[in-house]
Structure formats: structure tokens, C-alpha cells
N, C-alpha and C. Protein backbone atom coordinates (compact mmCIF):
# COMPACT_ATOMS: atom_id res chain seq x y z
N UNK A 1 67.19 -161.82 -174.94
CA UNK A 1 68.23 -162.56 -175.62
C UNK A 1 68.81 -161.67 -176.71
N UNK A 2 70.10 -161.51 -176.73
CA UNK A 2 70.73 -160.64 -177.72
C UNK A 2 71.80 -161.41 -178.48
N UNK A 3 71.83 -161.24 -179.79
CA UNK A 3 72.88 -161.80 -180.64
C UNK A 3 73.96 -160.74 -180.79
N UNK A 4 75.19 -161.13 -180.67
CA UNK A 4 76.29 -160.20 -180.94
C UNK A 4 77.02 -160.69 -182.17
N UNK A 5 77.38 -159.78 -183.00
CA UNK A 5 78.18 -160.09 -184.18
C UNK A 5 79.63 -159.80 -183.85
N UNK A 6 80.53 -160.60 -184.36
CA UNK A 6 81.95 -160.44 -184.07
C UNK A 6 82.58 -159.26 -184.79
N UNK A 7 82.05 -158.93 -185.97
CA UNK A 7 82.71 -157.95 -186.80
C UNK A 7 81.78 -156.76 -187.01
N UNK A 8 82.29 -155.58 -186.78
CA UNK A 8 81.57 -154.37 -187.09
C UNK A 8 82.60 -153.29 -187.30
N UNK A 9 82.65 -152.75 -188.51
CA UNK A 9 83.69 -151.78 -188.86
C UNK A 9 83.59 -150.51 -188.05
N UNK A 10 82.44 -150.27 -187.41
CA UNK A 10 82.29 -149.07 -186.58
C UNK A 10 82.53 -149.38 -185.11
N UNK A 11 82.90 -150.60 -184.81
CA UNK A 11 83.11 -151.00 -183.42
C UNK A 11 81.85 -151.62 -182.86
N UNK A 12 81.97 -152.70 -182.13
CA UNK A 12 80.80 -153.33 -181.55
C UNK A 12 80.37 -152.56 -180.32
N UNK A 13 79.13 -152.11 -180.34
CA UNK A 13 78.55 -151.36 -179.23
C UNK A 13 77.25 -152.04 -178.84
N UNK A 14 76.77 -151.75 -177.67
CA UNK A 14 75.51 -152.34 -177.20
C UNK A 14 74.38 -152.05 -178.18
N UNK A 15 74.31 -150.80 -178.69
CA UNK A 15 73.21 -150.44 -179.58
C UNK A 15 73.32 -151.09 -180.96
N UNK A 16 74.47 -151.66 -181.28
CA UNK A 16 74.65 -152.35 -182.55
C UNK A 16 74.24 -153.82 -182.47
N UNK A 17 73.86 -154.29 -181.29
CA UNK A 17 73.51 -155.70 -181.09
C UNK A 17 72.09 -155.97 -181.53
N UNK A 18 71.87 -157.16 -182.07
CA UNK A 18 70.54 -157.59 -182.43
C UNK A 18 69.79 -157.93 -181.14
N UNK A 19 68.61 -157.37 -181.00
CA UNK A 19 67.81 -157.56 -179.80
C UNK A 19 66.51 -158.27 -180.21
N UNK A 20 66.48 -159.58 -180.01
CA UNK A 20 65.33 -160.38 -180.44
C UNK A 20 64.09 -160.07 -179.63
N UNK A 21 64.26 -159.74 -178.39
CA UNK A 21 63.10 -159.44 -177.53
C UNK A 21 62.34 -158.22 -178.05
N UNK A 22 63.08 -157.21 -178.50
CA UNK A 22 62.47 -155.97 -179.01
C UNK A 22 62.33 -155.97 -180.53
N UNK A 23 62.77 -157.06 -181.17
CA UNK A 23 62.74 -157.16 -182.64
C UNK A 23 63.52 -156.02 -183.29
N UNK A 24 64.76 -155.84 -182.85
CA UNK A 24 65.64 -154.81 -183.41
C UNK A 24 66.83 -155.49 -184.07
N UNK A 25 67.07 -155.11 -185.32
CA UNK A 25 68.11 -155.73 -186.14
C UNK A 25 68.98 -154.65 -186.77
N UNK A 26 69.80 -153.95 -185.97
CA UNK A 26 70.60 -152.87 -186.55
C UNK A 26 71.49 -153.35 -187.69
N UNK A 27 71.53 -152.56 -188.74
CA UNK A 27 72.39 -152.83 -189.90
C UNK A 27 72.13 -154.20 -190.51
N UNK A 28 70.87 -154.57 -190.64
CA UNK A 28 70.53 -155.89 -191.20
C UNK A 28 69.51 -155.77 -192.32
N UNK A 29 69.62 -156.70 -193.26
CA UNK A 29 68.54 -156.98 -194.19
C UNK A 29 67.77 -158.12 -193.53
N UNK A 30 66.46 -158.01 -193.47
CA UNK A 30 65.64 -159.01 -192.79
C UNK A 30 64.64 -159.63 -193.78
N UNK A 31 64.19 -160.83 -193.44
CA UNK A 31 63.32 -161.60 -194.34
C UNK A 31 62.31 -162.37 -193.51
N UNK A 32 61.12 -162.53 -194.08
CA UNK A 32 60.10 -163.37 -193.46
C UNK A 32 59.28 -164.04 -194.56
N UNK A 33 58.70 -165.21 -194.29
CA UNK A 33 57.91 -165.87 -195.32
C UNK A 33 56.59 -165.14 -195.60
N UNK A 34 56.12 -165.31 -196.81
CA UNK A 34 54.78 -164.84 -197.19
C UNK A 34 53.90 -166.08 -197.22
N UNK A 35 52.91 -166.16 -196.35
CA UNK A 35 52.07 -167.37 -196.30
C UNK A 35 51.56 -167.76 -197.69
N UNK A 36 51.48 -169.03 -197.90
CA UNK A 36 51.08 -169.71 -199.13
C UNK A 36 52.18 -169.64 -200.20
N UNK A 37 52.65 -168.47 -200.54
CA UNK A 37 53.66 -168.34 -201.60
C UNK A 37 54.97 -169.00 -201.17
N UNK A 38 55.46 -168.67 -199.98
CA UNK A 38 56.72 -169.23 -199.50
C UNK A 38 56.60 -170.73 -199.25
N UNK A 39 55.42 -171.20 -198.92
CA UNK A 39 55.23 -172.62 -198.67
C UNK A 39 55.50 -173.43 -199.93
N UNK A 40 55.20 -172.85 -201.09
CA UNK A 40 55.41 -173.54 -202.36
C UNK A 40 56.76 -173.19 -202.97
N UNK A 41 57.17 -171.94 -202.81
CA UNK A 41 58.46 -171.45 -203.33
C UNK A 41 59.25 -170.90 -202.15
N UNK A 42 60.00 -171.75 -201.44
CA UNK A 42 60.61 -171.32 -200.18
C UNK A 42 61.68 -170.23 -200.28
N UNK A 43 62.09 -169.89 -201.47
CA UNK A 43 63.07 -168.81 -201.64
C UNK A 43 62.37 -167.46 -201.82
N UNK A 44 61.04 -167.46 -201.94
CA UNK A 44 60.28 -166.22 -202.10
C UNK A 44 59.77 -165.79 -200.73
N UNK A 45 59.99 -164.53 -200.39
CA UNK A 45 59.52 -164.02 -199.11
C UNK A 45 59.54 -162.50 -199.11
N UNK A 46 59.28 -161.93 -197.96
CA UNK A 46 59.23 -160.47 -197.82
C UNK A 46 60.52 -159.98 -197.17
N UNK A 47 61.06 -158.87 -197.69
CA UNK A 47 62.36 -158.36 -197.26
C UNK A 47 62.24 -156.90 -196.81
N UNK A 48 63.07 -156.55 -195.84
CA UNK A 48 63.17 -155.17 -195.39
C UNK A 48 64.60 -154.87 -194.99
N UNK A 49 64.85 -153.62 -194.64
CA UNK A 49 66.18 -153.21 -194.20
C UNK A 49 66.03 -152.42 -192.91
N UNK A 50 66.89 -152.73 -191.94
CA UNK A 50 66.83 -152.05 -190.65
C UNK A 50 67.91 -150.97 -190.58
N UNK A 51 67.54 -149.84 -189.99
CA UNK A 51 68.49 -148.74 -189.84
C UNK A 51 69.45 -149.01 -188.68
N UNK A 52 70.25 -148.04 -188.32
CA UNK A 52 71.25 -148.24 -187.26
C UNK A 52 70.62 -148.50 -185.89
N UNK A 53 69.38 -148.10 -185.72
CA UNK A 53 68.66 -148.35 -184.46
C UNK A 53 67.96 -149.71 -184.47
N UNK A 54 67.99 -150.38 -185.61
CA UNK A 54 67.34 -151.68 -185.72
C UNK A 54 65.90 -151.62 -186.18
N UNK A 55 65.42 -150.45 -186.53
CA UNK A 55 64.03 -150.28 -186.97
C UNK A 55 63.92 -150.68 -188.44
N UNK A 56 62.98 -151.57 -188.71
CA UNK A 56 62.82 -152.13 -190.05
C UNK A 56 61.98 -151.21 -190.92
N UNK A 57 62.45 -151.03 -192.16
CA UNK A 57 61.74 -150.28 -193.20
C UNK A 57 61.49 -151.26 -194.34
N UNK A 58 60.24 -151.34 -194.80
CA UNK A 58 59.95 -152.24 -195.92
C UNK A 58 58.90 -151.64 -196.85
N UNK A 59 59.07 -151.93 -198.13
CA UNK A 59 58.15 -151.47 -199.17
C UNK A 59 56.94 -152.39 -199.11
N UNK A 60 55.83 -151.88 -198.58
CA UNK A 60 54.69 -152.72 -198.26
C UNK A 60 53.53 -152.58 -199.24
N UNK A 61 53.64 -151.68 -200.19
CA UNK A 61 52.57 -151.47 -201.15
C UNK A 61 52.80 -150.18 -201.90
N UNK A 62 51.91 -149.87 -202.83
CA UNK A 62 52.09 -148.66 -203.64
C UNK A 62 52.30 -147.41 -202.79
N UNK A 63 53.41 -146.74 -203.01
CA UNK A 63 53.72 -145.47 -202.36
C UNK A 63 53.70 -145.57 -200.83
N UNK A 64 54.06 -146.74 -200.31
CA UNK A 64 54.00 -146.94 -198.86
C UNK A 64 55.22 -147.70 -198.35
N UNK A 65 55.93 -147.09 -197.42
CA UNK A 65 57.03 -147.76 -196.72
C UNK A 65 56.57 -147.96 -195.29
N UNK A 66 56.52 -149.20 -194.88
CA UNK A 66 56.17 -149.52 -193.50
C UNK A 66 57.41 -149.33 -192.63
N UNK A 67 57.23 -148.68 -191.48
CA UNK A 67 58.34 -148.44 -190.56
C UNK A 67 57.99 -149.04 -189.21
N UNK A 68 58.85 -149.95 -188.75
CA UNK A 68 58.70 -150.59 -187.44
C UNK A 68 57.43 -151.44 -187.34
N UNK A 69 57.00 -151.97 -188.46
CA UNK A 69 55.85 -152.86 -188.49
C UNK A 69 55.99 -153.75 -189.73
N UNK A 70 56.90 -154.70 -189.65
CA UNK A 70 57.24 -155.54 -190.80
C UNK A 70 55.98 -156.21 -191.32
N UNK A 71 55.73 -156.07 -192.59
CA UNK A 71 54.43 -156.36 -193.19
C UNK A 71 53.90 -157.77 -192.95
N UNK A 72 54.72 -158.79 -193.05
CA UNK A 72 54.23 -160.16 -192.89
C UNK A 72 54.63 -160.79 -191.57
N UNK A 73 54.86 -159.98 -190.56
CA UNK A 73 55.22 -160.49 -189.24
C UNK A 73 56.70 -160.31 -188.96
N UNK A 74 57.13 -160.79 -187.83
CA UNK A 74 58.52 -160.62 -187.41
C UNK A 74 59.47 -161.37 -188.34
N UNK A 75 60.69 -160.86 -188.48
CA UNK A 75 61.67 -161.54 -189.33
C UNK A 75 61.97 -162.96 -188.86
N UNK A 76 62.22 -163.83 -189.82
CA UNK A 76 62.68 -165.17 -189.50
C UNK A 76 64.16 -165.33 -189.82
N UNK A 77 64.67 -164.48 -190.74
CA UNK A 77 66.09 -164.51 -191.11
C UNK A 77 66.62 -163.09 -191.18
N UNK A 78 67.93 -163.00 -191.02
CA UNK A 78 68.58 -161.70 -191.18
C UNK A 78 69.97 -161.90 -191.77
N UNK A 79 70.44 -160.84 -192.40
CA UNK A 79 71.79 -160.80 -192.95
C UNK A 79 72.41 -159.51 -192.44
N UNK A 80 73.45 -159.64 -191.64
CA UNK A 80 74.10 -158.47 -191.05
C UNK A 80 74.95 -157.75 -192.09
N UNK A 81 74.80 -156.44 -192.14
CA UNK A 81 75.61 -155.59 -193.00
C UNK A 81 76.66 -154.90 -192.15
N UNK A 82 77.73 -154.47 -192.76
CA UNK A 82 78.81 -153.81 -192.03
C UNK A 82 79.16 -152.49 -192.70
N UNK A 83 78.28 -151.49 -192.54
CA UNK A 83 78.56 -150.20 -193.17
C UNK A 83 79.71 -149.49 -192.48
N UNK A 84 80.34 -148.58 -193.19
CA UNK A 84 81.46 -147.83 -192.62
C UNK A 84 81.04 -146.48 -192.07
N UNK A 85 79.82 -146.03 -192.40
CA UNK A 85 79.38 -144.71 -191.98
C UNK A 85 77.91 -144.77 -191.57
N UNK A 86 77.65 -144.62 -190.27
CA UNK A 86 76.29 -144.71 -189.73
C UNK A 86 75.36 -143.68 -190.36
N UNK A 87 75.81 -142.44 -190.49
CA UNK A 87 74.97 -141.38 -191.04
C UNK A 87 74.64 -141.66 -192.50
N UNK A 88 75.63 -142.06 -193.28
CA UNK A 88 75.40 -142.38 -194.69
C UNK A 88 74.42 -143.54 -194.82
N UNK A 89 74.55 -144.53 -193.96
CA UNK A 89 73.67 -145.70 -193.97
C UNK A 89 72.23 -145.28 -193.68
N UNK A 90 72.02 -144.59 -192.56
CA UNK A 90 70.67 -144.16 -192.18
C UNK A 90 70.08 -143.19 -193.20
N UNK A 91 70.88 -142.24 -193.64
CA UNK A 91 70.40 -141.27 -194.64
C UNK A 91 70.01 -141.97 -195.94
N UNK A 92 70.77 -143.00 -196.31
CA UNK A 92 70.46 -143.75 -197.53
C UNK A 92 69.11 -144.44 -197.44
N UNK A 93 68.82 -145.03 -196.29
CA UNK A 93 67.51 -145.69 -196.10
C UNK A 93 66.40 -144.65 -196.12
N UNK A 94 66.56 -143.57 -195.37
CA UNK A 94 65.50 -142.57 -195.28
C UNK A 94 65.25 -141.86 -196.61
N UNK A 95 66.33 -141.55 -197.35
CA UNK A 95 66.16 -140.90 -198.65
C UNK A 95 65.45 -141.82 -199.64
N UNK A 96 65.83 -143.09 -199.66
CA UNK A 96 65.19 -144.02 -200.60
C UNK A 96 63.75 -144.29 -200.18
N UNK A 97 63.49 -144.35 -198.88
CA UNK A 97 62.11 -144.52 -198.42
C UNK A 97 61.24 -143.36 -198.92
N UNK A 98 61.74 -142.15 -198.79
CA UNK A 98 60.98 -140.99 -199.26
C UNK A 98 60.78 -141.04 -200.78
N UNK A 99 61.81 -141.45 -201.49
CA UNK A 99 61.71 -141.59 -202.95
C UNK A 99 60.62 -142.60 -203.32
N UNK A 100 60.58 -143.74 -202.64
CA UNK A 100 59.58 -144.76 -202.94
C UNK A 100 58.18 -144.27 -202.58
N UNK A 101 58.04 -143.56 -201.47
CA UNK A 101 56.74 -143.00 -201.08
C UNK A 101 56.25 -141.99 -202.13
N UNK A 102 57.16 -141.20 -202.63
CA UNK A 102 56.81 -140.15 -203.59
C UNK A 102 56.57 -140.66 -205.01
N UNK A 103 57.26 -141.72 -205.41
CA UNK A 103 57.27 -142.06 -206.84
C UNK A 103 57.00 -143.51 -207.21
N UNK A 104 57.04 -144.44 -206.29
CA UNK A 104 57.06 -145.85 -206.70
C UNK A 104 55.76 -146.60 -206.45
N UNK A 105 55.22 -147.13 -207.54
CA UNK A 105 54.09 -148.03 -207.45
C UNK A 105 54.65 -149.43 -207.16
N UNK A 106 53.85 -150.29 -206.57
CA UNK A 106 54.30 -151.62 -206.20
C UNK A 106 53.95 -152.62 -207.29
N UNK A 107 54.87 -153.53 -207.59
CA UNK A 107 54.63 -154.62 -208.52
C UNK A 107 55.32 -155.84 -207.92
N UNK A 108 54.58 -156.89 -207.68
CA UNK A 108 55.11 -158.08 -207.00
C UNK A 108 56.35 -158.65 -207.71
N UNK A 109 56.40 -158.56 -209.04
CA UNK A 109 57.49 -159.17 -209.80
C UNK A 109 58.66 -158.24 -210.08
N UNK A 110 58.40 -156.96 -210.26
CA UNK A 110 59.46 -156.06 -210.75
C UNK A 110 59.87 -154.95 -209.78
N UNK A 111 58.95 -154.42 -209.04
CA UNK A 111 59.25 -153.29 -208.15
C UNK A 111 58.64 -153.60 -206.78
N UNK A 112 59.40 -154.31 -205.98
CA UNK A 112 58.85 -154.87 -204.75
C UNK A 112 59.77 -154.59 -203.56
N UNK A 113 59.55 -155.30 -202.48
CA UNK A 113 60.34 -155.10 -201.26
C UNK A 113 61.83 -155.35 -201.50
N UNK A 114 62.15 -156.34 -202.33
CA UNK A 114 63.55 -156.61 -202.66
C UNK A 114 64.16 -155.44 -203.42
N UNK A 115 63.39 -154.86 -204.34
CA UNK A 115 63.85 -153.70 -205.10
C UNK A 115 64.15 -152.53 -204.17
N UNK A 116 63.30 -152.34 -203.18
CA UNK A 116 63.50 -151.25 -202.23
C UNK A 116 64.82 -151.43 -201.48
N UNK A 117 65.07 -152.62 -200.96
CA UNK A 117 66.31 -152.88 -200.22
C UNK A 117 67.52 -152.69 -201.14
N UNK A 118 67.44 -153.22 -202.36
CA UNK A 118 68.54 -153.05 -203.32
C UNK A 118 68.77 -151.58 -203.62
N UNK A 119 67.71 -150.82 -203.78
CA UNK A 119 67.83 -149.38 -204.04
C UNK A 119 68.48 -148.65 -202.87
N UNK A 120 68.13 -149.04 -201.65
CA UNK A 120 68.76 -148.44 -200.47
C UNK A 120 70.27 -148.70 -200.49
N UNK A 121 70.64 -149.96 -200.72
CA UNK A 121 72.06 -150.32 -200.71
C UNK A 121 72.81 -149.65 -201.86
N UNK A 122 72.18 -149.55 -203.01
CA UNK A 122 72.81 -148.87 -204.15
C UNK A 122 72.97 -147.38 -203.86
N UNK A 123 71.93 -146.78 -203.27
CA UNK A 123 71.96 -145.36 -202.98
C UNK A 123 73.07 -144.98 -202.00
N UNK A 124 73.33 -145.85 -201.05
CA UNK A 124 74.40 -145.57 -200.07
C UNK A 124 75.74 -146.16 -200.52
N UNK A 125 75.72 -146.83 -201.67
CA UNK A 125 76.91 -147.50 -202.22
C UNK A 125 77.53 -148.45 -201.17
N UNK A 126 76.65 -149.27 -200.58
CA UNK A 126 77.11 -150.24 -199.57
C UNK A 126 78.16 -151.16 -200.18
N UNK A 127 79.22 -151.40 -199.43
CA UNK A 127 80.37 -152.20 -199.90
C UNK A 127 80.95 -151.63 -201.18
N UNK A 128 80.84 -150.33 -201.33
CA UNK A 128 81.40 -149.62 -202.50
C UNK A 128 80.81 -150.15 -203.81
N UNK A 129 79.53 -150.55 -203.77
CA UNK A 129 78.88 -151.14 -204.94
C UNK A 129 77.55 -150.45 -205.22
N UNK A 130 77.22 -150.37 -206.48
CA UNK A 130 75.88 -149.93 -206.88
C UNK A 130 75.25 -150.99 -207.78
N UNK A 131 75.61 -152.25 -207.54
CA UNK A 131 75.11 -153.37 -208.34
C UNK A 131 74.18 -154.29 -207.56
N UNK A 132 73.60 -153.80 -206.48
CA UNK A 132 72.67 -154.61 -205.71
C UNK A 132 71.38 -154.79 -206.51
N UNK A 133 70.80 -155.98 -206.44
CA UNK A 133 69.54 -156.23 -207.14
C UNK A 133 68.74 -157.30 -206.40
N UNK A 134 67.50 -157.52 -206.85
CA UNK A 134 66.59 -158.45 -206.20
C UNK A 134 67.15 -159.86 -206.12
N UNK A 135 67.70 -160.34 -207.22
CA UNK A 135 68.19 -161.72 -207.28
C UNK A 135 69.38 -161.90 -206.35
N UNK A 136 70.31 -160.96 -206.37
CA UNK A 136 71.48 -161.04 -205.49
C UNK A 136 71.06 -161.06 -204.02
N UNK A 137 70.15 -160.16 -203.65
CA UNK A 137 69.70 -160.12 -202.26
C UNK A 137 68.96 -161.39 -201.86
N UNK A 138 68.09 -161.88 -202.72
CA UNK A 138 67.36 -163.11 -202.41
C UNK A 138 68.33 -164.28 -202.24
N UNK A 139 69.34 -164.35 -203.11
CA UNK A 139 70.33 -165.42 -203.02
C UNK A 139 71.15 -165.31 -201.74
N UNK A 140 71.61 -164.10 -201.42
CA UNK A 140 72.38 -163.90 -200.18
C UNK A 140 71.57 -164.27 -198.95
N UNK A 141 70.31 -163.83 -198.90
CA UNK A 141 69.48 -164.16 -197.73
C UNK A 141 69.21 -165.65 -197.65
N UNK A 142 68.97 -166.29 -198.78
CA UNK A 142 68.66 -167.71 -198.78
C UNK A 142 69.85 -168.54 -198.30
N UNK A 143 71.04 -168.21 -198.79
CA UNK A 143 72.20 -169.04 -198.49
C UNK A 143 73.05 -168.53 -197.33
N UNK A 144 73.08 -167.24 -197.08
CA UNK A 144 73.95 -166.69 -196.03
C UNK A 144 73.20 -166.08 -194.86
N UNK A 145 71.89 -165.91 -195.01
CA UNK A 145 71.11 -165.36 -193.92
C UNK A 145 71.08 -166.30 -192.73
N UNK A 146 70.97 -165.72 -191.54
CA UNK A 146 70.90 -166.52 -190.32
C UNK A 146 69.46 -166.53 -189.82
N UNK A 147 69.01 -167.70 -189.38
CA UNK A 147 67.68 -167.76 -188.79
C UNK A 147 67.72 -167.11 -187.42
N UNK A 148 66.66 -166.40 -187.10
CA UNK A 148 66.55 -165.68 -185.84
C UNK A 148 66.52 -166.68 -184.68
N UNK A 149 65.81 -167.78 -184.86
CA UNK A 149 65.69 -168.80 -183.81
C UNK A 149 65.19 -170.09 -184.45
N UNK A 150 65.23 -171.18 -183.70
CA UNK A 150 64.72 -172.44 -184.23
C UNK A 150 63.22 -172.38 -184.49
N UNK A 151 62.40 -171.81 -183.59
CA UNK A 151 60.97 -171.70 -183.91
C UNK A 151 60.71 -170.90 -185.20
N UNK A 152 61.52 -169.89 -185.45
CA UNK A 152 61.31 -169.12 -186.68
C UNK A 152 61.83 -169.87 -187.91
N UNK A 153 62.82 -170.73 -187.71
CA UNK A 153 63.23 -171.65 -188.78
C UNK A 153 62.04 -172.54 -189.15
N UNK A 154 61.38 -173.09 -188.12
CA UNK A 154 60.21 -173.94 -188.37
C UNK A 154 59.09 -173.16 -189.05
N UNK A 155 58.88 -171.92 -188.63
CA UNK A 155 57.86 -171.07 -189.23
C UNK A 155 58.14 -170.90 -190.73
N UNK A 156 59.41 -170.83 -191.09
CA UNK A 156 59.79 -170.66 -192.49
C UNK A 156 59.68 -171.96 -193.29
N UNK A 157 60.09 -173.08 -192.71
CA UNK A 157 60.25 -174.31 -193.49
C UNK A 157 59.20 -175.39 -193.24
N UNK A 158 58.56 -175.42 -192.08
CA UNK A 158 57.63 -176.51 -191.78
C UNK A 158 56.49 -176.64 -192.80
N UNK A 159 55.86 -175.56 -193.22
CA UNK A 159 54.80 -175.73 -194.23
C UNK A 159 55.31 -176.36 -195.53
N UNK A 160 56.49 -175.96 -195.99
CA UNK A 160 57.07 -176.53 -197.21
C UNK A 160 57.35 -178.02 -197.01
N UNK A 161 57.93 -178.35 -195.88
CA UNK A 161 58.25 -179.76 -195.59
C UNK A 161 56.97 -180.59 -195.55
N UNK A 162 55.92 -180.07 -194.91
CA UNK A 162 54.65 -180.81 -194.84
C UNK A 162 54.03 -180.99 -196.22
N UNK A 163 54.11 -179.98 -197.07
CA UNK A 163 53.59 -180.09 -198.44
C UNK A 163 54.36 -181.14 -199.22
N UNK A 164 55.69 -181.14 -199.11
CA UNK A 164 56.51 -182.13 -199.83
C UNK A 164 56.21 -183.54 -199.32
N UNK A 165 56.13 -183.71 -198.01
CA UNK A 165 55.83 -185.03 -197.44
C UNK A 165 54.45 -185.50 -197.91
N UNK A 166 53.47 -184.61 -197.87
CA UNK A 166 52.13 -184.97 -198.33
C UNK A 166 52.13 -185.37 -199.80
N UNK A 167 52.87 -184.63 -200.62
CA UNK A 167 52.94 -184.95 -202.04
C UNK A 167 53.59 -186.32 -202.27
N UNK A 168 54.63 -186.61 -201.51
CA UNK A 168 55.31 -187.91 -201.63
C UNK A 168 54.37 -189.03 -201.20
N UNK A 169 53.68 -188.85 -200.08
CA UNK A 169 52.76 -189.87 -199.59
C UNK A 169 51.64 -190.10 -200.59
N UNK A 170 51.05 -189.05 -201.11
CA UNK A 170 49.99 -189.18 -202.11
C UNK A 170 50.52 -189.88 -203.36
N UNK A 171 51.71 -189.51 -203.78
CA UNK A 171 52.31 -190.13 -204.97
C UNK A 171 52.56 -191.61 -204.75
N UNK A 172 53.07 -191.98 -203.59
CA UNK A 172 53.33 -193.38 -203.28
C UNK A 172 52.03 -194.17 -203.20
N UNK A 173 51.00 -193.59 -202.60
CA UNK A 173 49.72 -194.27 -202.48
C UNK A 173 49.05 -194.44 -203.85
N UNK A 174 49.23 -193.45 -204.71
CA UNK A 174 48.62 -193.50 -206.05
C UNK A 174 49.30 -194.52 -206.94
N UNK A 175 50.58 -194.78 -206.67
CA UNK A 175 51.31 -195.72 -207.53
C UNK A 175 51.10 -197.18 -207.14
N UNK A 176 50.36 -197.43 -206.08
CA UNK A 176 50.10 -198.82 -205.67
C UNK A 176 48.91 -199.39 -206.34
């Protein structure tokens, strides 16, 4: 099953298509829930960026960039990017990945997977901007990201929904 995007400034080609069977998301920022944390705070999750071939790169820990092995499982959401230069895009990801491997310690709150993606986009000046940051990316993914499939939508939201329903039921029972 392949998703095709209508708009691509470099022209829509077969290799630019999202391939769910192979878990390839060319030119996308991808997101997946972090068990327990996302269940309570559904806007918090793990983020990565895929190169032109759809291979995901994510900051997975101190001085470590995971390549083609998304840290918390397959993406549940993606946000398609529309770069104007394939080489600049790929080089930006690879250069920032090397920078993070060489110099960056991991901090869940300040220097994390979202920071890595923002740094990649800033380094390549995606959309002619160097103002990408964690909050902007999290907001874009939360409100504009597309779910990969309905089962992955459930994977993202069902635990939160069950926790809220359980809390309401317990609250109603306690008030009687």
C-alpha cells in the first residue's frame, strides 16, 4: 500500500512515495508514541526525520543517531516536507546526524529527538527558515500530521482514551 502526495516541488516520482509496507517515508518528519508517557500526555512522543529514500534518522540517546530502526517502533504519524533540493536535504540530515553523534548528549527535556529534527531543518534552511524548534514541530505533528493507518491511530490514542474513561468511571463511582 502506497500513499501518494499531490504536491512535490521536485516532481512526484515513484521513489518519492510513502511506502507503508517497507516503512519508507521520503521527505517526512515521523512520530510515534512513547509507551506510558504518551498515554498520559498524548502530545509527547518520539520524532525522527526521513531522508529522500525514506530512511528514518532519529536521536535515540547520547551521541547516538538511530538509522532505519525508529527507536519506539514504526511511525504512527507523519508530516510530509517539500524540499526544493534533494542533495541539500539529504546532506543536511547526514551532517546534523554526524554533529549529534560527535557532540550531543541526550536530555529528555532540552536536547532530544525533536531538537535533532529541528536542527536538521534549520541546517538545511527548510522553507527558507532557521526558526524550527521543538515546540513548533510538536505542534505541527499534533495538528497537521497524518496518521499512517487506522490501527496506528488506535495505537496512538487508545491507551489515552482508556485511561480517561477509567478515570471518569472511577470518579462517577466515587461520587455516589
